[in-house]
Amino acid sequence: MLKSTEERYRKLARNFYKTRMPGTQLSTSAICEALTRCAAEYRPGYFRVLKNALSFDVRERGYPEAAKRIVLTPNPTTVPGSTIPPKEKLHAVKALSEDDIAALLHHLGKTRHYDVFAAVTLAWLLGVRPCEMHSIQVMREGFHIIGAKKDDQGIRGADRDITFPHQTDYELAAKAVELYQSSHRSAAAIRDTLREQCRQLWPRRKVQPTLRSLRHQMGSNLKASGIDPRLMAYIMGHRSTRSIERYGDRRTATKRRFSLPEAASNADLSKVRICRKSKPAWYSAEPAAKGVSPKNTHQQTKPRTV
């Protein structure tokens, strides 16, 4: 387990004891009861993370059996036959037009939020996760990105070497890396500023885009380009082609053609697993765009207009 994950679990556990069990003596049954009582207030995914955090904390205190019991606590909102509805998932923006992206970049430049401008540029051009932006290394002809979610043995997470077919896109991304990494603000602070500036730019929108929205848009553009699923997974930093099913939809690809990132000539795609049980990454209910082969095609083509 990463040190950062351990610290996050400790913080989650401390906050849970403080807000959900004030003045209550810690015990296995008390923790399980508190978890069950507040389950409807959390999304199932967060409930699972919280269980892991509490189990980790109790195990650190020297009670491994109690930790096992906590992690096995069922979520009352997801058990078969439950009458307790789970918390609704918040709507998220998963597609941005190039006009929206251009307007956002113009606004951020005008308001002098240059580190946020750089973060948006990197998410737009490279599709990187926000937590990967500080680790991007600018190479002579491309970028080396150290994958996130990597454990101590290096089994999870995927490093990749990315390049661009056009020099201007490479230079723009390289400047964004320098600008972002020169900032002393945290990724969380940049994220909060982006949210605030999006509200100022689009006050009537109920849901605002995030850096993750731009990553989803990259997934859409890659799927519409018709390149091989293994290449898509590599560019997005996945270890399995199944993971790219969660990102983007070819039908929401941007209507204008622009340079997409490519795997560098020295890229090692052997570690990307092909998942045979899932639908191909290029799959869509609609037929592929004319002239685009869904298999083993590494050509940049204009996304289909929908």
C-alpha atoms as a PDB file:
ATOM      1  CA  MET A   1       0.000   0.000   0.000  1.00  0.00           C
ATOM      2  CA  LEU A   2       1.288   3.461  -0.867  1.00  0.00           C
ATOM      3  CA  LYS A   3       2.301   5.762   1.980  1.00  0.00           C
ATOM      4  CA  SER A   4      -0.109   8.377   0.629  1.00  0.00           C
ATOM      5  CA  THR A   5      -2.960   5.836   0.792  1.00  0.00           C
ATOM      6  CA  GLU A   6      -2.080   4.928   4.366  1.00  0.00           C
ATOM      7  CA  GLU A   7      -2.127   8.585   5.383  1.00  0.00           C
ATOM      8  CA  ARG A   8      -5.435   9.105   3.617  1.00  0.00           C
ATOM      9  CA  TYR A   9      -6.930   6.128   5.467  1.00  0.00           C
ATOM     10  CA  ARG A  10      -5.748   7.508   8.800  1.00  0.00           C
ATOM     11  CA  LYS A  11      -7.373  10.883   8.068  1.00  0.00           C
ATOM     12  CA  LEU A  12     -10.634   9.257   7.005  1.00  0.00           C
ATOM     13  CA  ALA A  13     -10.717   7.136  10.153  1.00  0.00           C
ATOM     14  CA  ARG A  14     -10.009  10.092  12.442  1.00  0.00           C
ATOM     15  CA  ASN A  15     -12.720  12.157  10.788  1.00  0.00           C
ATOM     16  CA  PHE A  16     -15.213   9.291  11.023  1.00  0.00           C
ATOM     17  CA  TYR A  17     -14.615   8.851  14.754  1.00  0.00           C
ATOM     18  CA  LYS A  18     -14.918  12.603  15.285  1.00  0.00           C
ATOM     19  CA  THR A  19     -18.082  13.205  13.256  1.00  0.00           C
ATOM     20  CA  ARG A  20     -19.915   9.879  13.452  1.00  0.00           C
ATOM     21  CA  MET A  21     -18.895   8.557  16.862  1.00  0.00           C
ATOM     22  CA  PRO A  22     -18.324  11.612  19.118  1.00  0.00           C
ATOM     23  CA  GLY A  23     -17.865  10.551  22.721  1.00  0.00           C
ATOM     24  CA  THR A  24     -18.353   6.870  21.848  1.00  0.00           C
ATOM     25  CA  GLN A  25     -15.852   4.324  23.070  1.00  0.00           C
ATOM     26  CA  LEU A  26     -14.272   2.564  20.130  1.00  0.00           C
ATOM     27  CA  SER A  27     -15.232  -1.068  19.696  1.00  0.00           C
ATOM     28  CA  THR A  28     -15.817  -3.355  16.767  1.00  0.00           C
ATOM     29  CA  SER A  29     -19.583  -3.399  17.189  1.00  0.00           C
ATOM     30  CA  ALA A  30     -19.780   0.386  17.673  1.00  0.00           C
ATOM     31  CA  ILE A  31     -17.792   1.041  14.489  1.00  0.00           C
ATOM     32  CA  CYS A  32     -19.883  -1.418  12.460  1.00  0.00           C
ATOM     33  CA  GLU A  33     -23.120   0.071  13.786  1.00  0.00           C
ATOM     34  CA  ALA A  34     -21.981   3.613  12.948  1.00  0.00           C
ATOM     35  CA  LEU A  35     -21.003   2.503   9.446  1.00  0.00           C
ATOM     36  CA  THR A  36     -24.374   0.870   8.856  1.00  0.00           C
ATOM     37  CA  ARG A  37     -26.260   3.839  10.268  1.00  0.00           C
ATOM     38  CA  CYS A  38     -24.740   6.379   7.853  1.00  0.00           C
ATOM     39  CA  ALA A  39     -24.455   4.139   4.779  1.00  0.00           C
ATOM     40  CA  ALA A  40     -27.328   5.858   2.945  1.00  0.00           C
ATOM     41  CA  GLU A  41     -25.417   9.160   3.069  1.00  0.00           C
ATOM     42  CA  TYR A  42     -22.518   7.777   1.041  1.00  0.00           C
ATOM     43  CA  ARG A  43     -22.112   6.466  -2.454  1.00  0.00           C
ATOM     44  CA  PRO A  44     -21.391   2.690  -2.427  1.00  0.00           C
ATOM     45  CA  GLY A  45     -17.857   3.309  -3.665  1.00  0.00           C
ATOM     46  CA  TYR A  46     -17.076   5.737  -0.853  1.00  0.00           C
ATOM     47  CA  PHE A  47     -18.645   3.379   1.691  1.00  0.00           C
ATOM     48  CA  ARG A  48     -16.197   0.709   0.547  1.00  0.00           C
ATOM     49  CA  VAL A  49     -13.246   3.098   0.849  1.00  0.00           C
ATOM     50  CA  LEU A  50     -14.391   4.121   4.322  1.00  0.00           C
ATOM     51  CA  LYS A  51     -14.606   0.473   5.413  1.00  0.00           C
ATOM     52  CA  ASN A  52     -11.066  -0.097   4.201  1.00  0.00           C
ATOM     53  CA  ALA A  53      -9.858   2.997   6.052  1.00  0.00           C
ATOM     54  CA  LEU A  54     -11.454   1.957   9.337  1.00  0.00           C
ATOM     55  CA  SER A  55     -10.217  -1.608   8.941  1.00  0.00           C
ATOM     56  CA  PHE A  56      -6.690  -0.305   8.308  1.00  0.00           C
ATOM     57  CA  ASP A  57      -6.841   1.944  11.364  1.00  0.00           C
ATOM     58  CA  VAL A  58      -8.068  -0.833  13.641  1.00  0.00           C
ATOM     59  CA  ARG A  59      -5.414  -3.209  12.309  1.00  0.00           C
ATOM     60  CA  GLU A  60      -2.744  -0.608  13.076  1.00  0.00           C
ATOM     61  CA  ARG A  61      -4.057  -0.470  16.633  1.00  0.00           C
ATOM     62  CA  GLY A  62      -3.320  -4.191  16.945  1.00  0.00           C
ATOM     63  CA  TYR A  63      -6.728  -5.799  16.369  1.00  0.00           C
ATOM     64  CA  PRO A  64      -6.533  -7.835  13.143  1.00  0.00           C
ATOM     65  CA  GLU A  65      -9.693  -9.869  13.814  1.00  0.00           C
ATOM     66  CA  ALA A  66     -11.725  -6.730  14.446  1.00  0.00           C
ATOM     67  CA  ALA A  67     -10.324  -5.275  11.215  1.00  0.00           C
ATOM     68  CA  LYS A  68     -11.577  -8.324   9.279  1.00  0.00           C
ATOM     69  CA  ARG A  69     -15.046  -7.957  10.768  1.00  0.00           C
ATOM     70  CA  ILE A  70     -15.210  -4.263   9.837  1.00  0.00           C
ATOM     71  CA  VAL A  71     -14.182  -4.816   6.229  1.00  0.00           C
ATOM     72  CA  LEU A  72     -16.874  -7.518   5.898  1.00  0.00           C
ATOM     73  CA  THR A  73     -19.637  -5.170   7.089  1.00  0.00           C
ATOM     74  CA  PRO A  74     -22.304  -5.221   4.335  1.00  0.00           C
ATOM     75  CA  ASN A  75     -23.658  -2.031   2.845  1.00  0.00           C
ATOM     76  CA  PRO A  76     -27.379  -2.007   3.774  1.00  0.00           C
ATOM     77  CA  THR A  77     -28.220  -0.028   0.629  1.00  0.00           C
ATOM     78  CA  THR A  78     -26.823  -2.639  -1.774  1.00  0.00           C
ATOM     79  CA  VAL A  79     -27.689  -5.969  -0.146  1.00  0.00           C
ATOM     80  CA  PRO A  80     -30.313  -8.019  -2.057  1.00  0.00           C
ATOM     81  CA  GLY A  81     -33.851  -7.008  -1.152  1.00  0.00           C
ATOM     82  CA  SER A  82     -32.793  -3.728   0.491  1.00  0.00           C
ATOM     83  CA  THR A  83     -35.486  -1.065   0.803  1.00  0.00           C
ATOM     84  CA  ILE A  84     -32.902   1.645   1.543  1.00  0.00           C
ATOM     85  CA  PRO A  85     -32.007   3.471  -1.685  1.00  0.00           C
ATOM     86  CA  PRO A  86     -28.309   4.275  -2.185  1.00  0.00           C
ATOM     87  CA  LYS A  87     -27.250   7.874  -2.492  1.00  0.00           C
ATOM     88  CA  GLU A  88     -27.724   9.137  -6.031  1.00  0.00           C
ATOM     89  CA  LYS A  89     -24.643   9.562  -8.123  1.00  0.00           C
ATOM     90  CA  LEU A  90     -23.808  13.167  -8.918  1.00  0.00           C
ATOM     91  CA  HIS A  91     -24.019  14.031 -12.574  1.00  0.00           C
ATOM     92  CA  ALA A  92     -20.615  14.628 -14.090  1.00  0.00           C
ATOM     93  CA  VAL A  93     -19.613  16.428 -17.273  1.00  0.00           C
ATOM     94  CA  LYS A  94     -17.963  13.886 -19.565  1.00  0.00           C
ATOM     95  CA  ALA A  95     -17.785  15.866 -22.792  1.00  0.00           C
ATOM     96  CA  LEU A  96     -16.600  19.354 -23.716  1.00  0.00           C
ATOM     97  CA  SER A  97     -16.712  20.980 -27.115  1.00  0.00           C
ATOM     98  CA  GLU A  98     -13.577  22.649 -28.416  1.00  0.00           C
ATOM     99  CA  ASP A  99     -15.457  25.963 -28.198  1.00  0.00           C
ATOM    100  CA  ASP A 100     -15.950  25.377 -24.466  1.00  0.00           C
ATOM    101  CA  ILE A 101     -12.297  24.463 -24.027  1.00  0.00           C
ATOM    102  CA  ALA A 102     -11.176  27.554 -25.923  1.00  0.00           C
ATOM    103  CA  ALA A 103     -13.513  29.774 -23.876  1.00  0.00           C
ATOM    104  CA  LEU A 104     -12.246  28.279 -20.626  1.00  0.00           C
ATOM    105  CA  LEU A 105      -8.586  28.748 -21.558  1.00  0.00           C
ATOM    106  CA  HIS A 106      -9.266  32.341 -22.635  1.00  0.00           C
ATOM    107  CA  HIS A 107     -11.027  33.063 -19.330  1.00  0.00           C
ATOM    108  CA  LEU A 108      -8.236  31.527 -17.237  1.00  0.00           C
ATOM    109  CA  GLY A 109      -5.603  33.504 -19.125  1.00  0.00           C
ATOM    110  CA  LYS A 110      -7.584  36.719 -18.766  1.00  0.00           C
ATOM    111  CA  THR A 111      -8.015  36.195 -15.008  1.00  0.00           C
ATOM    112  CA  ARG A 112      -4.303  35.246 -14.683  1.00  0.00           C
ATOM    113  CA  HIS A 113      -4.878  31.800 -13.244  1.00  0.00           C
ATOM    114  CA  TYR A 114      -1.902  30.489 -15.148  1.00  0.00           C
ATOM    115  CA  ASP A 115      -1.374  27.265 -13.195  1.00  0.00           C
ATOM    116  CA  VAL A 116      -5.019  26.309 -13.774  1.00  0.00           C
ATOM    117  CA  PHE A 117      -4.588  27.258 -17.443  1.00  0.00           C
ATOM    118  CA  ALA A 118      -1.641  24.855 -17.594  1.00  0.00           C
ATOM    119  CA  ALA A 119      -3.582  22.060 -15.879  1.00  0.00           C
ATOM    120  CA  VAL A 120      -6.474  22.378 -18.335  1.00  0.00           C
ATOM    121  CA  THR A 121      -4.037  22.402 -21.255  1.00  0.00           C
ATOM    122  CA  LEU A 122      -2.318  19.218 -20.059  1.00  0.00           C
ATOM    123  CA  ALA A 123      -5.606  17.412 -19.453  1.00  0.00           C
ATOM    124  CA  TRP A 124      -6.818  18.521 -22.885  1.00  0.00           C
ATOM    125  CA  LEU A 125      -3.701  17.658 -24.888  1.00  0.00           C
ATOM    126  CA  LEU A 126      -2.371  14.617 -22.999  1.00  0.00           C
ATOM    127  CA  GLY A 127      -5.416  13.272 -21.162  1.00  0.00           C
ATOM    128  CA  VAL A 128      -3.341  12.841 -18.000  1.00  0.00           C
ATOM    129  CA  ARG A 129      -4.751  12.456 -14.518  1.00  0.00           C
ATOM    130  CA  PRO A 130      -4.349  15.551 -12.307  1.00  0.00           C
ATOM    131  CA  CYS A 131      -2.135  13.600  -9.892  1.00  0.00           C
ATOM    132  CA  GLU A 132       0.246  12.768 -12.763  1.00  0.00           C
ATOM    133  CA  MET A 133       0.896  16.344 -13.870  1.00  0.00           C
ATOM    134  CA  HIS A 134       3.722  17.013 -11.420  1.00  0.00           C
ATOM    135  CA  SER A 135       5.559  13.891 -12.598  1.00  0.00           C
ATOM    136  CA  ILE A 136       5.552  14.624 -16.342  1.00  0.00           C
ATOM    137  CA  GLN A 137       9.067  14.702 -17.779  1.00  0.00           C
ATOM    138  CA  VAL A 138       9.659  16.655 -20.978  1.00  0.00           C
ATOM    139  CA  MET A 139      11.872  14.658 -23.327  1.00  0.00           C
ATOM    140  CA  ARG A 140      13.499  15.680 -26.567  1.00  0.00           C
ATOM    141  CA  GLU A 141      10.611  14.570 -28.748  1.00  0.00           C
ATOM    142  CA  GLY A 142       7.825  13.803 -26.305  1.00  0.00           C
ATOM    143  CA  PHE A 143       6.806  13.271 -22.699  1.00  0.00           C
ATOM    144  CA  HIS A 144       7.425  10.567 -20.118  1.00  0.00           C
ATOM    145  CA  ILE A 145       4.453  10.263 -17.766  1.00  0.00           C
ATOM    146  CA  ILE A 146       4.783   8.335 -14.520  1.00  0.00           C
ATOM    147  CA  GLY A 147       1.528   6.497 -13.969  1.00  0.00           C
ATOM    148  CA  ALA A 148      -0.647   7.067 -10.935  1.00  0.00           C
ATOM    149  CA  LYS A 149      -2.121   4.329  -8.726  1.00  0.00           C
ATOM    150  CA  LYS A 150       1.212   2.544  -8.650  1.00  0.00           C
ATOM    151  CA  ASP A 151       1.889   0.277  -5.693  1.00  0.00           C
ATOM    152  CA  ASP A 152       5.250  -0.426  -4.049  1.00  0.00           C
ATOM    153  CA  GLN A 153       5.944  -3.371  -6.383  1.00  0.00           C
ATOM    154  CA  GLY A 154       5.064  -1.369  -9.472  1.00  0.00           C
ATOM    155  CA  ILE A 155       2.345  -3.818 -10.454  1.00  0.00           C
ATOM    156  CA  ARG A 156      -0.424  -1.260 -10.802  1.00  0.00           C
ATOM    157  CA  GLY A 157      -0.230   1.986 -12.682  1.00  0.00           C
ATOM    158  CA  ALA A 158       1.252   2.498 -16.127  1.00  0.00           C
ATOM    159  CA  ASP A 159       4.138   4.721 -17.174  1.00  0.00           C
ATOM    160  CA  ARG A 160       4.032   5.819 -20.781  1.00  0.00           C
ATOM    161  CA  ASP A 161       5.996   7.738 -23.401  1.00  0.00           C
ATOM    162  CA  ILE A 162       3.828  10.076 -25.453  1.00  0.00           C
ATOM    163  CA  THR A 163       4.559  12.206 -28.477  1.00  0.00           C
ATOM    164  CA  PHE A 164       2.639  14.396 -30.945  1.00  0.00           C
ATOM    165  CA  PRO A 165       2.571  14.318 -34.735  1.00  0.00           C
ATOM    166  CA  HIS A 166       2.836  18.103 -34.862  1.00  0.00           C
ATOM    167  CA  GLN A 167       5.652  20.140 -33.314  1.00  0.00           C
ATOM    168  CA  THR A 168       3.346  22.998 -32.304  1.00  0.00           C
ATOM    169  CA  ASP A 169       1.290  20.699 -30.067  1.00  0.00           C
ATOM    170  CA  TYR A 170       4.463  19.335 -28.471  1.00  0.00           C
ATOM    171  CA  GLU A 171       5.714  22.863 -27.741  1.00  0.00           C
ATOM    172  CA  LEU A 172       2.361  23.916 -26.263  1.00  0.00           C
ATOM    173  CA  ALA A 173       2.271  20.884 -23.971  1.00  0.00           C
ATOM    174  CA  ALA A 174       5.920  21.395 -22.961  1.00  0.00           C
ATOM    175  CA  LYS A 175       5.218  25.006 -21.955  1.00  0.00           C
ATOM    176  CA  ALA A 176       2.180  23.877 -19.970  1.00  0.00           C
ATOM    177  CA  VAL A 177       4.309  21.317 -18.092  1.00  0.00           C
ATOM    178  CA  GLU A 178       6.857  23.993 -17.177  1.00  0.00           C
ATOM    179  CA  LEU A 179       4.152  26.419 -16.085  1.00  0.00           C
ATOM    180  CA  TYR A 180       2.251  23.848 -14.019  1.00  0.00           C
ATOM    181  CA  GLN A 181       5.306  22.420 -12.291  1.00  0.00           C
ATOM    182  CA  SER A 182       6.600  25.899 -11.394  1.00  0.00           C
ATOM    183  CA  SER A 183       3.451  26.528  -9.370  1.00  0.00           C
ATOM    184  CA  HIS A 184       3.689  26.072  -5.608  1.00  0.00           C
ATOM    185  CA  ARG A 185      -0.018  25.346  -5.212  1.00  0.00           C
ATOM    186  CA  SER A 186      -1.377  21.888  -4.573  1.00  0.00           C
ATOM    187  CA  ALA A 187      -3.447  19.919  -7.051  1.00  0.00           C
ATOM    188  CA  ALA A 188      -6.447  20.320  -4.729  1.00  0.00           C
ATOM    189  CA  ALA A 189      -6.072  24.117  -4.713  1.00  0.00           C
ATOM    190  CA  ILE A 190      -5.854  24.187  -8.514  1.00  0.00           C
ATOM    191  CA  ARG A 191      -8.945  21.975  -8.729  1.00  0.00           C
ATOM    192  CA  ASP A 192     -10.905  24.296  -6.413  1.00  0.00           C
ATOM    193  CA  THR A 193      -9.886  27.358  -8.419  1.00  0.00           C
ATOM    194  CA  LEU A 194     -10.980  25.671 -11.629  1.00  0.00           C
ATOM    195  CA  ARG A 195     -14.391  24.940 -10.124  1.00  0.00           C
ATOM    196  CA  GLU A 196     -14.751  28.564  -9.005  1.00  0.00           C
ATOM    197  CA  GLN A 197     -13.711  29.979 -12.384  1.00  0.00           C
ATOM    198  CA  CYS A 198     -16.043  27.644 -14.268  1.00  0.00           C
ATOM    199  CA  ARG A 199     -18.925  28.930 -12.178  1.00  0.00           C
ATOM    200  CA  GLN A 200     -17.990  32.486 -13.078  1.00  0.00           C
ATOM    201  CA  LEU A 201     -17.714  31.634 -16.759  1.00  0.00           C
ATOM    202  CA  TRP A 202     -20.903  29.534 -16.947  1.00  0.00           C
ATOM    203  CA  PRO A 203     -23.112  30.712 -14.045  1.00  0.00           C
ATOM    204  CA  ARG A 204     -26.269  29.126 -15.461  1.00  0.00           C
ATOM    205  CA  ARG A 205     -24.846  25.631 -15.777  1.00  0.00           C
ATOM    206  CA  LYS A 206     -25.899  23.282 -13.002  1.00  0.00           C
ATOM    207  CA  VAL A 207     -22.840  21.054 -13.372  1.00  0.00           C
ATOM    208  CA  GLN A 208     -19.383  22.395 -14.162  1.00  0.00           C
ATOM    209  CA  PRO A 209     -16.570  20.619 -16.028  1.00  0.00           C
ATOM    210  CA  THR A 210     -13.490  19.360 -14.225  1.00  0.00           C
ATOM    211  CA  LEU A 211     -10.064  18.105 -15.241  1.00  0.00           C
ATOM    212  CA  ARG A 212     -11.580  14.635 -15.262  1.00  0.00           C
ATOM    213  CA  SER A 213     -14.085  15.869 -17.850  1.00  0.00           C
ATOM    214  CA  LEU A 214     -11.184  16.605 -20.175  1.00  0.00           C
ATOM    215  CA  ARG A 215      -9.795  13.124 -19.591  1.00  0.00           C
ATOM    216  CA  HIS A 216     -13.166  11.682 -20.585  1.00  0.00           C
ATOM    217  CA  GLN A 217     -13.096  13.870 -23.686  1.00  0.00           C
ATOM    218  CA  MET A 218      -9.693  12.481 -24.589  1.00  0.00           C
ATOM    219  CA  GLY A 219     -11.140   8.992 -24.292  1.00  0.00           C
ATOM    220  CA  SER A 220     -13.953   9.979 -26.666  1.00  0.00           C
ATOM    221  CA  ASN A 221     -11.541  11.419 -29.213  1.00  0.00           C
ATOM    222  CA  LEU A 222      -9.281   8.381 -29.104  1.00  0.00           C
ATOM    223  CA  LYS A 223     -12.217   6.010 -29.587  1.00  0.00           C
ATOM    224  CA  ALA A 224     -13.457   8.029 -32.554  1.00  0.00           C
ATOM    225  CA  SER A 225      -9.995   8.005 -34.136  1.00  0.00           C
ATOM    226  CA  GLY A 226     -10.194   4.247 -34.694  1.00  0.00           C
ATOM    227  CA  ILE A 227      -6.785   3.339 -33.283  1.00  0.00           C
ATOM    228  CA  ASP A 228      -6.039  -0.022 -31.702  1.00  0.00           C
ATOM    229  CA  PRO A 229      -7.550  -0.534 -28.194  1.00  0.00           C
ATOM    230  CA  ARG A 230      -4.133  -1.396 -26.786  1.00  0.00           C
ATOM    231  CA  LEU A 231      -2.772   1.942 -27.986  1.00  0.00           C
ATOM    232  CA  MET A 232      -5.741   3.744 -26.453  1.00  0.00           C
ATOM    233  CA  ALA A 233      -5.151   2.057 -23.111  1.00  0.00           C
ATOM    234  CA  TYR A 234      -1.446   2.916 -23.264  1.00  0.00           C
ATOM    235  CA  ILE A 235      -2.047   6.605 -24.019  1.00  0.00           C
ATOM    236  CA  MET A 236      -4.620   6.847 -21.220  1.00  0.00           C
ATOM    237  CA  GLY A 237      -2.291   5.131 -18.740  1.00  0.00           C
ATOM    238  CA  HIS A 238      -4.310   1.918 -18.281  1.00  0.00           C
ATOM    239  CA  ARG A 239      -2.974  -1.583 -17.750  1.00  0.00           C
ATOM    240  CA  SER A 240      -6.007  -3.215 -19.370  1.00  0.00           C
ATOM    241  CA  THR A 241      -8.108  -2.445 -22.423  1.00  0.00           C
ATOM    242  CA  ARG A 242     -11.186  -2.952 -20.267  1.00  0.00           C
ATOM    243  CA  SER A 243     -10.422   0.213 -18.311  1.00  0.00           C
ATOM    244  CA  ILE A 244     -10.945   2.453 -21.311  1.00  0.00           C
ATOM    245  CA  GLU A 245     -14.602   1.428 -21.429  1.00  0.00           C
ATOM    246  CA  ARG A 246     -15.130   3.852 -18.537  1.00  0.00           C
ATOM    247  CA  TYR A 247     -13.771   6.841 -20.400  1.00  0.00           C
ATOM    248  CA  GLY A 248     -15.564   8.702 -23.126  1.00  0.00           C
ATOM    249  CA  ASP A 249     -17.884   7.769 -25.957  1.00  0.00           C
ATOM    250  CA  ARG A 250     -16.954   8.026 -29.621  1.00  0.00           C
ATOM    251  CA  ARG A 251     -20.276   9.766 -30.289  1.00  0.00           C
ATOM    252  CA  THR A 252     -19.184  12.742 -28.141  1.00  0.00           C
ATOM    253  CA  ALA A 253     -15.836  13.237 -29.866  1.00  0.00           C
ATOM    254  CA  THR A 254     -15.034  16.845 -30.718  1.00  0.00           C
ATOM    255  CA  LYS A 255     -16.246  17.880 -34.148  1.00  0.00           C
ATOM    256  CA  ARG A 256     -13.077  19.689 -35.137  1.00  0.00           C
ATOM    257  CA  ARG A 257      -9.959  17.819 -36.041  1.00  0.00           C
ATOM    258  CA  PHE A 258      -6.859  18.401 -33.906  1.00  0.00           C
ATOM    259  CA  SER A 259      -3.680  16.570 -33.093  1.00  0.00           C
ATOM    260  CA  LEU A 260      -4.098  13.601 -30.764  1.00  0.00           C
ATOM    261  CA  PRO A 261      -1.232  12.205 -28.651  1.00  0.00           C
ATOM    262  CA  GLU A 262       0.507   9.089 -29.902  1.00  0.00           C
ATOM    263  CA  ALA A 263       2.618   6.397 -28.306  1.00  0.00           C
ATOM    264  CA  ALA A 264       6.316   7.121 -28.801  1.00  0.00           C
ATOM    265  CA  SER A 265       8.348   4.871 -31.090  1.00  0.00           C
ATOM    266  CA  ASN A 266      10.010   3.239 -28.050  1.00  0.00           C
ATOM    267  CA  ALA A 267       6.704   2.622 -26.248  1.00  0.00           C
ATOM    268  CA  ASP A 268       6.358  -0.787 -24.587  1.00  0.00           C
ATOM    269  CA  LEU A 269       2.784  -1.983 -25.083  1.00  0.00           C
ATOM    270  CA  SER A 270       3.483  -5.527 -23.923  1.00  0.00           C
ATOM    271  CA  LYS A 271       2.256  -4.786 -20.387  1.00  0.00           C
ATOM    272  CA  VAL A 272      -1.190  -3.674 -21.564  1.00  0.00           C
ATOM    273  CA  ARG A 273      -3.569  -6.590 -21.100  1.00  0.00           C
ATOM    274  CA  ILE A 274      -6.183  -7.358 -23.729  1.00  0.00           C
ATOM    275  CA  CYS A 275      -9.444  -8.159 -21.982  1.00  0.00           C
ATOM    276  CA  ARG A 276     -11.373 -10.600 -24.148  1.00  0.00           C
ATOM    277  CA  LYS A 277     -14.525 -10.492 -22.033  1.00  0.00           C
ATOM    278  CA  SER A 278     -15.250  -6.826 -22.576  1.00  0.00           C
ATOM    279  CA  LYS A 279     -16.469  -4.979 -25.624  1.00  0.00           C
ATOM    280  CA  PRO A 280     -13.762  -3.537 -27.857  1.00  0.00           C
ATOM    281  CA  ALA A 281     -12.784  -0.009 -26.863  1.00  0.00           C
ATOM    282  CA  TRP A 282     -13.948   1.279 -30.237  1.00  0.00           C
ATOM    283  CA  TYR A 283     -17.362  -0.354 -29.822  1.00  0.00           C
ATOM    284  CA  SER A 284     -20.395   1.825 -30.314  1.00  0.00           C
ATOM    285  CA  ALA A 285     -24.009   1.270 -31.188  1.00  0.00           C
ATOM    286  CA  GLU A 286     -23.283   3.247 -34.342  1.00  0.00           C
ATOM    287  CA  PRO A 287     -21.130   1.957 -37.222  1.00  0.00           C
ATOM    288  CA  ALA A 288     -17.581   3.180 -37.512  1.00  0.00           C
ATOM    289  CA  ALA A 289     -16.860   6.286 -39.519  1.00  0.00           C
ATOM    290  CA  LYS A 290     -16.197   5.659 -43.174  1.00  0.00           C
ATOM    291  CA  GLY A 291     -12.603   4.707 -43.816  1.00  0.00           C
ATOM    292  CA  VAL A 292     -11.828   3.937 -40.164  1.00  0.00           C
ATOM    293  CA  SER A 293     -10.949   0.371 -39.335  1.00  0.00           C
ATOM    294  CA  PRO A 294     -11.770  -0.669 -35.752  1.00  0.00           C
ATOM    295  CA  LYS A 295      -8.791  -2.999 -35.561  1.00  0.00           C
ATOM    296  CA  ASN A 296      -5.074  -2.264 -35.545  1.00  0.00           C
ATOM    297  CA  THR A 297      -5.405   1.143 -37.149  1.00  0.00           C
ATOM    298  CA  HIS A 298      -2.982   3.783 -35.901  1.00  0.00           C
ATOM    299  CA  GLN A 299      -4.004   6.679 -38.067  1.00  0.00           C
ATOM    300  CA  GLN A 300      -5.369  10.027 -37.041  1.00  0.00           C
ATOM    301  CA  THR A 301      -8.751  10.502 -38.695  1.00  0.00           C
ATOM    302  CA  LYS A 302     -11.339  13.182 -38.398  1.00  0.00           C
ATOM    303  CA  PRO A 303     -13.895  12.232 -35.729  1.00  0.00           C
ATOM    304  CA  ARG A 304     -17.367  11.541 -36.974  1.00  0.00           C
ATOM    305  CA  THR A 305     -19.793  14.432 -36.636  1.00  0.00           C
ATOM    306  CA  VAL A 306     -22.877  13.544 -34.641  1.00  0.00           C
END
